[in-house]
Every structure is written in C-alpha cells, then in structure tokens.
C-alpha cells in the first residue's frame, strides 16, 4: 500500500501547481540556490501536512467550511502578492540590483505557499487514511519524512533543470520574458484560488 501511496505522491508532485510556480519564481528572480531553498521550505510544509494528517487535525480543519475558506484565502492572497511583487520588480529598470538587495525569503515563501495550499491538506488526509494502519512504531516517523524529503528532492531537481542551459534565452534565471510569464501565472493561480474558495463557500 505504501508503494501505491508513494506513486500517487510522485504524480502529484510532477503536476503543476502553486509549489511548482513558487520554485520557478524564486529561480527566475534569484537563481538556482534560492529555488533550492524554496524546495526545502516546501518539504518542511509537507512534513507539517503529514503530521497534521496523522494526528487527525487536518480532518478537524477540513470539516469546517469556514476554516477551509480562511486557509484558501490566505494561500491565494499570498500567491497573488508574490506574483504582483514579481511583476513589479520585472518592470524596474534596475531589476538585477533590486533583486540582489531585496529580502528573498525563499525558504519562507516555499513553506507558507505549501502550508496554505488546501489541495495539499486534502491530498495528505486522503493519503494517510489509506496507509494509517501501517503507521506503527518507527513508520510513524519514517513516512512523513519520506514524503517531505522526496518533495524537496523533486523541486531541487526542478531548480537544476531550469537553470542548466548555457544559452541565456533558455536559462530561466533573469530572463525578463520568463519573469513576466511566471508573474502572470502566479497571479492567475492566486486569483483562481481566491475566486474558487469564495464560490465554494457561498
């Protein structure tokens, strides 16, 4: 059962979403090292989700529509803010200087984005409801660590992939066109989360 759960987790990781967008944002604005920090932040966020799911706290939160709305709104607004911040920095003439001077907080961006991702809440509640019977002894600690570490590894790998090209046209870092596209995608994801969460609540 764990193998099926691990496969489902891998498929979920490779599907584009807020976590992928945040990693690409940090890489395109600040380079590979910041993408790696964001990936580690996402891993910590997933570890938190796993602990909440194991202890049943996620079920309590998800059983209340108002709590779900608040979590979704916080996540959506934060992603929208990051997208708008990215767009504004791309418009500045001294973009590279400003990027080096501004606080990057890549780890925190990855952590917050993941923790307030309502889909992550739902995914890990579903996942651990399947494997909860196998969580005896040391496995209670190993499974959450596995999902957290594998998530970080995937997004670290993604950070490497998008920055390996020697051609600056294809290298995502500091490419103003990619910055523009990524900022629009982030804003779109943020708005979609906000609108959908309000629609589902009311």
C-alpha atoms as a PDB file:
ATOM      1  CA  UNK A   1       0.000   0.000   0.000  1.00  0.00           C
ATOM      2  CA  UNK A   2       2.899   2.323   0.726  1.00  0.00           C
ATOM      3  CA  UNK A   3       4.234   1.858  -2.827  1.00  0.00           C
ATOM      4  CA  UNK A   4       0.889   2.973  -4.284  1.00  0.00           C
ATOM      5  CA  UNK A   5       0.867   5.952  -1.940  1.00  0.00           C
ATOM      6  CA  UNK A   6       4.432   6.860  -2.937  1.00  0.00           C
ATOM      7  CA  UNK A   7       3.452   6.634  -6.617  1.00  0.00           C
ATOM      8  CA  UNK A   8       0.407   8.861  -6.060  1.00  0.00           C
ATOM      9  CA  UNK A   9       2.639  11.369  -4.254  1.00  0.00           C
ATOM     10  CA  UNK A  10       5.142  11.372  -7.132  1.00  0.00           C
ATOM     11  CA  UNK A  11       2.386  12.018  -9.682  1.00  0.00           C
ATOM     12  CA  UNK A  12       1.011  14.839  -7.525  1.00  0.00           C
ATOM     13  CA  UNK A  13       4.490  16.391  -7.269  1.00  0.00           C
ATOM     14  CA  UNK A  14       5.004  16.455 -11.029  1.00  0.00           C
ATOM     15  CA  UNK A  15       1.609  18.085 -11.611  1.00  0.00           C
ATOM     16  CA  UNK A  16       1.933  21.891 -11.967  1.00  0.00           C
ATOM     17  CA  UNK A  17       0.579  23.865  -9.039  1.00  0.00           C
ATOM     18  CA  UNK A  18       1.416  26.613  -6.525  1.00  0.00           C
ATOM     19  CA  UNK A  19       4.545  24.819  -5.264  1.00  0.00           C
ATOM     20  CA  UNK A  20       5.967  24.495  -8.772  1.00  0.00           C
ATOM     21  CA  UNK A  21       5.142  28.134  -9.511  1.00  0.00           C
ATOM     22  CA  UNK A  22       6.884  29.345  -6.343  1.00  0.00           C
ATOM     23  CA  UNK A  23      10.050  27.381  -7.068  1.00  0.00           C
ATOM     24  CA  UNK A  24      10.161  28.719 -10.634  1.00  0.00           C
ATOM     25  CA  UNK A  25       9.529  32.245  -9.321  1.00  0.00           C
ATOM     26  CA  UNK A  26      12.457  32.091  -6.919  1.00  0.00           C
ATOM     27  CA  UNK A  27      14.741  30.545  -9.546  1.00  0.00           C
ATOM     28  CA  UNK A  28      13.840  33.075 -12.240  1.00  0.00           C
ATOM     29  CA  UNK A  29      14.282  36.043  -9.890  1.00  0.00           C
ATOM     30  CA  UNK A  30      17.207  34.997  -7.735  1.00  0.00           C
ATOM     31  CA  UNK A  31      18.866  31.932  -9.240  1.00  0.00           C
ATOM     32  CA  UNK A  32      19.220  28.234  -8.539  1.00  0.00           C
ATOM     33  CA  UNK A  33      20.247  28.491  -4.879  1.00  0.00           C
ATOM     34  CA  UNK A  34      17.040  30.340  -3.990  1.00  0.00           C
ATOM     35  CA  UNK A  35      14.982  27.721  -5.819  1.00  0.00           C
ATOM     36  CA  UNK A  36      16.665  25.064  -3.687  1.00  0.00           C
ATOM     37  CA  UNK A  37      15.813  26.997  -0.510  1.00  0.00           C
ATOM     38  CA  UNK A  38      12.185  27.246  -1.636  1.00  0.00           C
ATOM     39  CA  UNK A  39      12.213  23.484  -2.320  1.00  0.00           C
ATOM     40  CA  UNK A  40      13.411  22.818   1.234  1.00  0.00           C
ATOM     41  CA  UNK A  41      10.678  25.115   2.550  1.00  0.00           C
ATOM     42  CA  UNK A  42       8.089  23.119   0.593  1.00  0.00           C
ATOM     43  CA  UNK A  43       9.495  19.912   2.098  1.00  0.00           C
ATOM     44  CA  UNK A  44       9.042  21.315   5.603  1.00  0.00           C
ATOM     45  CA  UNK A  45       5.490  22.357   4.698  1.00  0.00           C
ATOM     46  CA  UNK A  46       4.690  18.845   3.520  1.00  0.00           C
ATOM     47  CA  UNK A  47       6.119  17.422   6.741  1.00  0.00           C
ATOM     48  CA  UNK A  48       3.706  19.664   8.658  1.00  0.00           C
ATOM     49  CA  UNK A  49       0.814  18.421   6.476  1.00  0.00           C
ATOM     50  CA  UNK A  50       1.799  14.821   7.195  1.00  0.00           C
ATOM     51  CA  UNK A  51       1.902  15.387  10.955  1.00  0.00           C
ATOM     52  CA  UNK A  52      -1.480  17.143  10.864  1.00  0.00           C
ATOM     53  CA  UNK A  53      -2.978  14.295   8.829  1.00  0.00           C
ATOM     54  CA  UNK A  54      -1.556  11.591  11.094  1.00  0.00           C
ATOM     55  CA  UNK A  55      -2.921  13.252  14.223  1.00  0.00           C
ATOM     56  CA  UNK A  56      -6.343  13.926  12.691  1.00  0.00           C
ATOM     57  CA  UNK A  57      -6.003  17.715  12.948  1.00  0.00           C
ATOM     58  CA  UNK A  58      -6.413  18.142   9.191  1.00  0.00           C
ATOM     59  CA  UNK A  59      -9.766  16.337   9.326  1.00  0.00           C
ATOM     60  CA  UNK A  60     -10.988  18.737  12.005  1.00  0.00           C
ATOM     61  CA  UNK A  61      -9.943  21.734   9.909  1.00  0.00           C
ATOM     62  CA  UNK A  62     -11.402  20.357   6.680  1.00  0.00           C
ATOM     63  CA  UNK A  63     -14.710  19.507   8.355  1.00  0.00           C
ATOM     64  CA  UNK A  64     -15.323  23.227   8.904  1.00  0.00           C
ATOM     65  CA  UNK A  65     -16.125  25.166   5.726  1.00  0.00           C
ATOM     66  CA  UNK A  66     -15.113  28.481   7.299  1.00  0.00           C
ATOM     67  CA  UNK A  67     -11.651  27.169   8.238  1.00  0.00           C
ATOM     68  CA  UNK A  68     -11.218  25.873   4.692  1.00  0.00           C
ATOM     69  CA  UNK A  69     -12.199  29.293   3.321  1.00  0.00           C
ATOM     70  CA  UNK A  70      -9.716  31.120   5.562  1.00  0.00           C
ATOM     71  CA  UNK A  71      -6.853  28.775   4.653  1.00  0.00           C
ATOM     72  CA  UNK A  72      -7.628  29.050   0.934  1.00  0.00           C
ATOM     73  CA  UNK A  73      -7.915  32.848   1.071  1.00  0.00           C
ATOM     74  CA  UNK A  74      -4.616  33.233   2.923  1.00  0.00           C
ATOM     75  CA  UNK A  75      -2.878  30.952   0.418  1.00  0.00           C
ATOM     76  CA  UNK A  76      -4.469  32.633  -2.606  1.00  0.00           C
ATOM     77  CA  UNK A  77      -3.736  36.171  -1.409  1.00  0.00           C
ATOM     78  CA  UNK A  78      -0.134  35.276  -0.598  1.00  0.00           C
ATOM     79  CA  UNK A  79       0.455  33.741  -4.040  1.00  0.00           C
ATOM     80  CA  UNK A  80      -1.213  36.748  -5.696  1.00  0.00           C
ATOM     81  CA  UNK A  81       1.046  39.062  -3.681  1.00  0.00           C
ATOM     82  CA  UNK A  82       4.155  37.138  -4.783  1.00  0.00           C
ATOM     83  CA  UNK A  83       3.045  37.297  -8.424  1.00  0.00           C
ATOM     84  CA  UNK A  84       2.401  41.038  -8.289  1.00  0.00           C
ATOM     85  CA  UNK A  85       5.697  41.614  -6.485  1.00  0.00           C
ATOM     86  CA  UNK A  86       7.476  39.650  -9.199  1.00  0.00           C
ATOM     87  CA  UNK A  87       5.735  41.636 -11.958  1.00  0.00           C
ATOM     88  CA  UNK A  88       6.608  44.993 -10.370  1.00  0.00           C
ATOM     89  CA  UNK A  89      10.260  44.069  -9.899  1.00  0.00           C
ATOM     90  CA  UNK A  90      10.419  42.997 -13.554  1.00  0.00           C
ATOM     91  CA  UNK A  91       9.210  46.452 -14.630  1.00  0.00           C
ATOM     92  CA  UNK A  92      12.018  48.229 -12.811  1.00  0.00           C
ATOM     93  CA  UNK A  93      14.984  49.287 -14.888  1.00  0.00           C
ATOM     94  CA  UNK A  94      17.457  48.356 -12.151  1.00  0.00           C
ATOM     95  CA  UNK A  95      15.908  44.943 -11.828  1.00  0.00           C
ATOM     96  CA  UNK A  96      19.069  42.943 -11.152  1.00  0.00           C
ATOM     97  CA  UNK A  97      20.326  45.370  -8.500  1.00  0.00           C
ATOM     98  CA  UNK A  98      16.963  45.438  -6.743  1.00  0.00           C
ATOM     99  CA  UNK A  99      16.710  41.655  -6.787  1.00  0.00           C
ATOM    100  CA  UNK A 100      20.073  41.363  -5.085  1.00  0.00           C
ATOM    101  CA  UNK A 101      19.136  43.886  -2.416  1.00  0.00           C
ATOM    102  CA  UNK A 102      15.608  42.809  -1.592  1.00  0.00           C
ATOM    103  CA  UNK A 103      14.839  40.180   1.033  1.00  0.00           C
ATOM    104  CA  UNK A 104      14.398  36.893  -0.772  1.00  0.00           C
ATOM    105  CA  UNK A 105      12.936  34.670   1.962  1.00  0.00           C
ATOM    106  CA  UNK A 106      12.827  31.700  -0.423  1.00  0.00           C
ATOM    107  CA  UNK A 107      12.515  29.116   2.358  1.00  0.00           C
ATOM    108  CA  UNK A 108       9.637  31.053   3.922  1.00  0.00           C
ATOM    109  CA  UNK A 109       7.913  31.519   0.547  1.00  0.00           C
ATOM    110  CA  UNK A 110       8.022  27.789  -0.094  1.00  0.00           C
ATOM    111  CA  UNK A 111       6.858  26.944   3.424  1.00  0.00           C
ATOM    112  CA  UNK A 112       3.919  29.380   3.518  1.00  0.00           C
ATOM    113  CA  UNK A 113       2.760  28.551  -0.006  1.00  0.00           C
ATOM    114  CA  UNK A 114       2.660  24.848   0.789  1.00  0.00           C
ATOM    115  CA  UNK A 115       1.098  25.076   4.242  1.00  0.00           C
ATOM    116  CA  UNK A 116      -1.786  27.235   2.993  1.00  0.00           C
ATOM    117  CA  UNK A 117      -2.395  25.066  -0.055  1.00  0.00           C
ATOM    118  CA  UNK A 118      -5.802  23.497   0.624  1.00  0.00           C
ATOM    119  CA  UNK A 119      -5.155  20.829  -2.018  1.00  0.00           C
ATOM    120  CA  UNK A 120      -2.152  19.652  -0.002  1.00  0.00           C
ATOM    121  CA  UNK A 121      -4.413  19.383   3.053  1.00  0.00           C
ATOM    122  CA  UNK A 122      -6.879  17.228   1.102  1.00  0.00           C
ATOM    123  CA  UNK A 123      -4.191  15.123  -0.563  1.00  0.00           C
ATOM    124  CA  UNK A 124      -2.410  14.096   2.617  1.00  0.00           C
ATOM    125  CA  UNK A 125      -5.634  13.451   4.516  1.00  0.00           C
ATOM    126  CA  UNK A 126      -6.611  11.068   1.690  1.00  0.00           C
ATOM    127  CA  UNK A 127      -3.134   9.553   1.542  1.00  0.00           C
ATOM    128  CA  UNK A 128      -2.801   8.844   5.246  1.00  0.00           C
ATOM    129  CA  UNK A 129      -6.339   7.495   5.512  1.00  0.00           C
ATOM    130  CA  UNK A 130      -5.089   4.686   3.251  1.00  0.00           C
ATOM    131  CA  UNK A 131      -1.793   3.924   4.998  1.00  0.00           C
ATOM    132  CA  UNK A 132      -2.754   4.787   8.584  1.00  0.00           C
ATOM    133  CA  UNK A 133      -2.953   1.088   9.521  1.00  0.00           C
ATOM    134  CA  UNK A 134       0.730   0.667   8.617  1.00  0.00           C
ATOM    135  CA  UNK A 135       1.879   3.550  10.806  1.00  0.00           C
ATOM    136  CA  UNK A 136       3.173   1.505  13.701  1.00  0.00           C
ATOM    137  CA  UNK A 137       6.373   2.161  15.619  1.00  0.00           C
ATOM    138  CA  UNK A 138       9.145   3.732  13.573  1.00  0.00           C
ATOM    139  CA  UNK A 139       6.960   4.020  10.453  1.00  0.00           C
ATOM    140  CA  UNK A 140       5.019   6.773  12.217  1.00  0.00           C
ATOM    141  CA  UNK A 141       8.157   8.905  11.790  1.00  0.00           C
ATOM    142  CA  UNK A 142       9.560   7.474   8.551  1.00  0.00           C
ATOM    143  CA  UNK A 143       6.546   8.028   6.288  1.00  0.00           C
ATOM    144  CA  UNK A 144       6.199  11.793   6.905  1.00  0.00           C
ATOM    145  CA  UNK A 145       9.974  12.209   6.494  1.00  0.00           C
ATOM    146  CA  UNK A 146       9.890  10.241   3.239  1.00  0.00           C
ATOM    147  CA  UNK A 147       7.177  12.435   1.698  1.00  0.00           C
ATOM    148  CA  UNK A 148       8.892  15.635   2.893  1.00  0.00           C
ATOM    149  CA  UNK A 149      12.361  14.639   1.639  1.00  0.00           C
ATOM    150  CA  UNK A 150      11.106  13.326  -1.705  1.00  0.00           C
ATOM    151  CA  UNK A 151       9.164  16.545  -2.279  1.00  0.00           C
ATOM    152  CA  UNK A 152      12.260  18.648  -1.606  1.00  0.00           C
ATOM    153  CA  UNK A 153      14.366  16.445  -3.895  1.00  0.00           C
ATOM    154  CA  UNK A 154      11.873  16.816  -6.746  1.00  0.00           C
ATOM    155  CA  UNK A 155      11.790  20.609  -6.530  1.00  0.00           C
ATOM    156  CA  UNK A 156      15.582  20.806  -6.109  1.00  0.00           C
ATOM    157  CA  UNK A 157      15.835  18.716  -9.282  1.00  0.00           C
ATOM    158  CA  UNK A 158      13.419  21.133 -10.982  1.00  0.00           C
ATOM    159  CA  UNK A 159      15.621  24.067  -9.902  1.00  0.00           C
ATOM    160  CA  UNK A 160      18.617  22.395 -11.573  1.00  0.00           C
ATOM    161  CA  UNK A 161      16.752  21.500 -14.758  1.00  0.00           C
ATOM    162  CA  UNK A 162      15.543  25.044 -15.487  1.00  0.00           C
ATOM    163  CA  UNK A 163      18.991  26.587 -14.915  1.00  0.00           C
ATOM    164  CA  UNK A 164      21.302  24.159 -16.712  1.00  0.00           C
ATOM    165  CA  UNK A 165      21.179  25.764 -20.161  1.00  0.00           C
ATOM    166  CA  UNK A 166      24.242  27.860 -21.070  1.00  0.00           C
ATOM    167  CA  UNK A 167      22.069  29.794 -23.500  1.00  0.00           C
ATOM    168  CA  UNK A 168      20.566  32.742 -21.600  1.00  0.00           C
ATOM    169  CA  UNK A 169      17.485  32.578 -23.814  1.00  0.00           C
ATOM    170  CA  UNK A 170      16.593  29.165 -22.394  1.00  0.00           C
ATOM    171  CA  UNK A 171      18.008  29.672 -18.907  1.00  0.00           C
ATOM    172  CA  UNK A 172      15.141  30.752 -16.695  1.00  0.00           C
ATOM    173  CA  UNK A 173      17.253  32.895 -14.360  1.00  0.00           C
ATOM    174  CA  UNK A 174      16.934  36.648 -15.057  1.00  0.00           C
ATOM    175  CA  UNK A 175      15.084  36.124 -18.349  1.00  0.00           C
ATOM    176  CA  UNK A 176      12.628  39.051 -18.360  1.00  0.00           C
ATOM    177  CA  UNK A 177      10.141  37.270 -20.626  1.00  0.00           C
ATOM    178  CA  UNK A 178      10.032  34.224 -18.380  1.00  0.00           C
ATOM    179  CA  UNK A 179       9.708  36.548 -15.377  1.00  0.00           C
ATOM    180  CA  UNK A 180       6.665  38.148 -16.981  1.00  0.00           C
ATOM    181  CA  UNK A 181       5.053  34.801 -17.811  1.00  0.00           C
ATOM    182  CA  UNK A 182       5.738  33.441 -14.319  1.00  0.00           C
ATOM    183  CA  UNK A 183       4.297  36.551 -12.650  1.00  0.00           C
ATOM    184  CA  UNK A 184       1.111  36.250 -14.727  1.00  0.00           C
ATOM    185  CA  UNK A 185       0.832  32.535 -13.894  1.00  0.00           C
ATOM    186  CA  UNK A 186       1.299  33.215 -10.184  1.00  0.00           C
ATOM    187  CA  UNK A 187      -1.311  35.981 -10.213  1.00  0.00           C
ATOM    188  CA  UNK A 188      -3.674  33.694 -12.121  1.00  0.00           C
ATOM    189  CA  UNK A 189      -3.216  30.849  -9.623  1.00  0.00           C
ATOM    190  CA  UNK A 190      -3.747  33.233  -6.697  1.00  0.00           C
ATOM    191  CA  UNK A 191      -6.914  34.707  -8.210  1.00  0.00           C
ATOM    192  CA  UNK A 192      -8.251  31.265  -9.127  1.00  0.00           C
ATOM    193  CA  UNK A 193      -7.760  30.028  -5.553  1.00  0.00           C
ATOM    194  CA  UNK A 194      -9.471  33.120  -4.105  1.00  0.00           C
ATOM    195  CA  UNK A 195     -12.450  33.039  -6.502  1.00  0.00           C
ATOM    196  CA  UNK A 196     -12.927  29.280  -6.223  1.00  0.00           C
ATOM    197  CA  UNK A 197     -12.750  29.245  -2.418  1.00  0.00           C
ATOM    198  CA  UNK A 198     -15.315  32.082  -2.151  1.00  0.00           C
ATOM    199  CA  UNK A 199     -17.585  30.381  -4.713  1.00  0.00           C
ATOM    200  CA  UNK A 200     -17.443  27.031  -2.896  1.00  0.00           C
ATOM    201  CA  UNK A 201     -18.114  28.647   0.486  1.00  0.00           C
ATOM    202  CA  UNK A 202     -21.130  30.707  -0.581  1.00  0.00           C
END
